């Protein structure tokens, strides 16, 4: 691939310009050229403008017989609020593999939510000379997947409240007659989706008129308990005033007022379904199995019970296709799905990874990123994503920075938006060495899955040689396969060549099979406790509410699902202020919820915000359009 015509050698400037200025200074290749380099035939992708294309699932069908490339996941140490550069490292590593080391490579990334782009965080396309371009298209709208999720999510929400409304005023017979209206000949029939509900009750009759009054009641009356509804509406904007609202205030809704709220779109279970699905048929089943609440008898009510599973799939039919983009150096990127990393599993899609592994083939590399620190993102990548995909990674990269290690060694608090303390800008080997306990635990935990672990130290201009050496020595002592200093933010792929070589060797020399942290057939509590031990906890404490929910999910038959812990990313423990590698603490479980369609149970360790707010001075103050050129300015 090194001799390929779509590789671009970067002219780097020092100091590094703003991300959007770097991105705007590069003319991207037409996306058909990127597809061509991957041997993707035009039959297997649909163009969305010049620089984006949707790769169709038919590409996977055609490549079914071919072998996979190497599979690499990028995680990180426990981060500071500034982030340690996982996305940037993921992109930089791929630019090194593709543009400098002559390897076939595909980067698989999550699609960022539009909310934070205008809020406090800015965009999420990597940074410096390791970015996905066009950056504005990556961060805004892309190919409409998040809009499709928003539409599907809110259709289901509308179906729930409407069904309660109609059931409240109709007898079983009237309800049944309206659900199965007669045609012109006076014949009633069930629609296809209705047979799913009939099968649930063991009813094998195929004609509505043959149902007994008791069967009519079972079939027609969902009897949803409003108190148990977990399905909320969503939108892809940071809007704190929608966190808690009341609905049904209109005069026509006859006192059907209910308290609910909005989440940000990427927190929708439909996003998690998109990320974990393996095919169109599988997505249809998962969407239909999503549980929205319980009946008054305590049984789960699903999207298919509401008759809407098929319609949701129709709204999501294009969203299942990953979006092809490119890095600054012309290497291919698949952007697909962006689930939350706390209440969901924080990884891009299985479908994109599967397509990418076939496209690069033996000796090629697929590099994907797992959100948050490795205690959360990489753990969920292994125990949830790889369990559903059947794919086996050979190497895990753990990204570390000197500033984060100093924080874990006892350095002052790091606060977003405030200048870094003097301790982070001057040489202090002792502080770095003390903080390496955090890195060491991440290495040990990740190694236990059977992968080789490579540490990537994301270098800043203020880092001293002695500090970098201390990290390298600590990483190797903790069992890392290798530890490499990287400057890809300042130099692009050229700054991650050593990392690329280390990752290649790590993949070629893997000796162990993939090992999960826990089997699925143990109890929900045993699974939670296995994950808690990996954090350093000595035990787990369950609230009364958590106990009640665990009992309910077990009774409903969902205890065989994997566990997705919703915990702070700023500490191994539940307390964000506890840095380093705390141990001997008791992990509190406040509540336990389920994303049954996506396929996991998620215990809440703390309070998780699923709808961000806007700060006093949001990013949108900087964002505008250059009306002469049509280019976006001020995106960060």
Foldseek 3Di string as FASTA:
>chain_A
DQVQPLFDADDFDPPFDWFLVLLVVFDHAFVVSQCVVLVNDPVQWADDPRFKIFGHLVLCVVLVPFFFAFEEEEFAFLDAPLDQFRLQLLQLLQSQCVNPVPAAEAEEEAQDFLAQCFFANFFDQTFAQRGFPPRVCSNPCVPPLLVLLLVLLVVLVVLVLVLVLVVVPDDLVVQLCVQFPADPVRATFHPPLLVVQCVVVPNPDGGSVPDDSVSSCSQRRQQFDLVFFPRAHEARHQAVVQAKDWDQPDPVSPPSIDIGGYFYSLQHLLLLLLQQAADLVLSLQLQQAFFGGHHPVLATDGSSSSVCSVVSSVSNVSLSGWMWGAISRRRIYTYHGAHDQFQHQGWGHLSVSSSRRSSSGYRHYYYTYFPFHCLGRVLCCQAPRCVSNVDFHAEYEYEDEQQQLLVLLPDDRDDPPDDDDPVSQADDQNSNLSSCLSVLLSLVLNCVQQHAYEYEYADDPSDDPSNQVSNQVSNVVSPHQGYYYFDCSRRRNVRCNVVNVSSSVRNVPRDDTGDHQDALPDFLQVLVQSSLVSLQEPEEAEDPQAVVVSVSCVVNPQRSFHERERADSCGSANDNSNHHRDHHHYQYFHHKADRVSSTYIYTYSDDDRRRHHHDPNTQNVQWDAPVVVRDITSRD
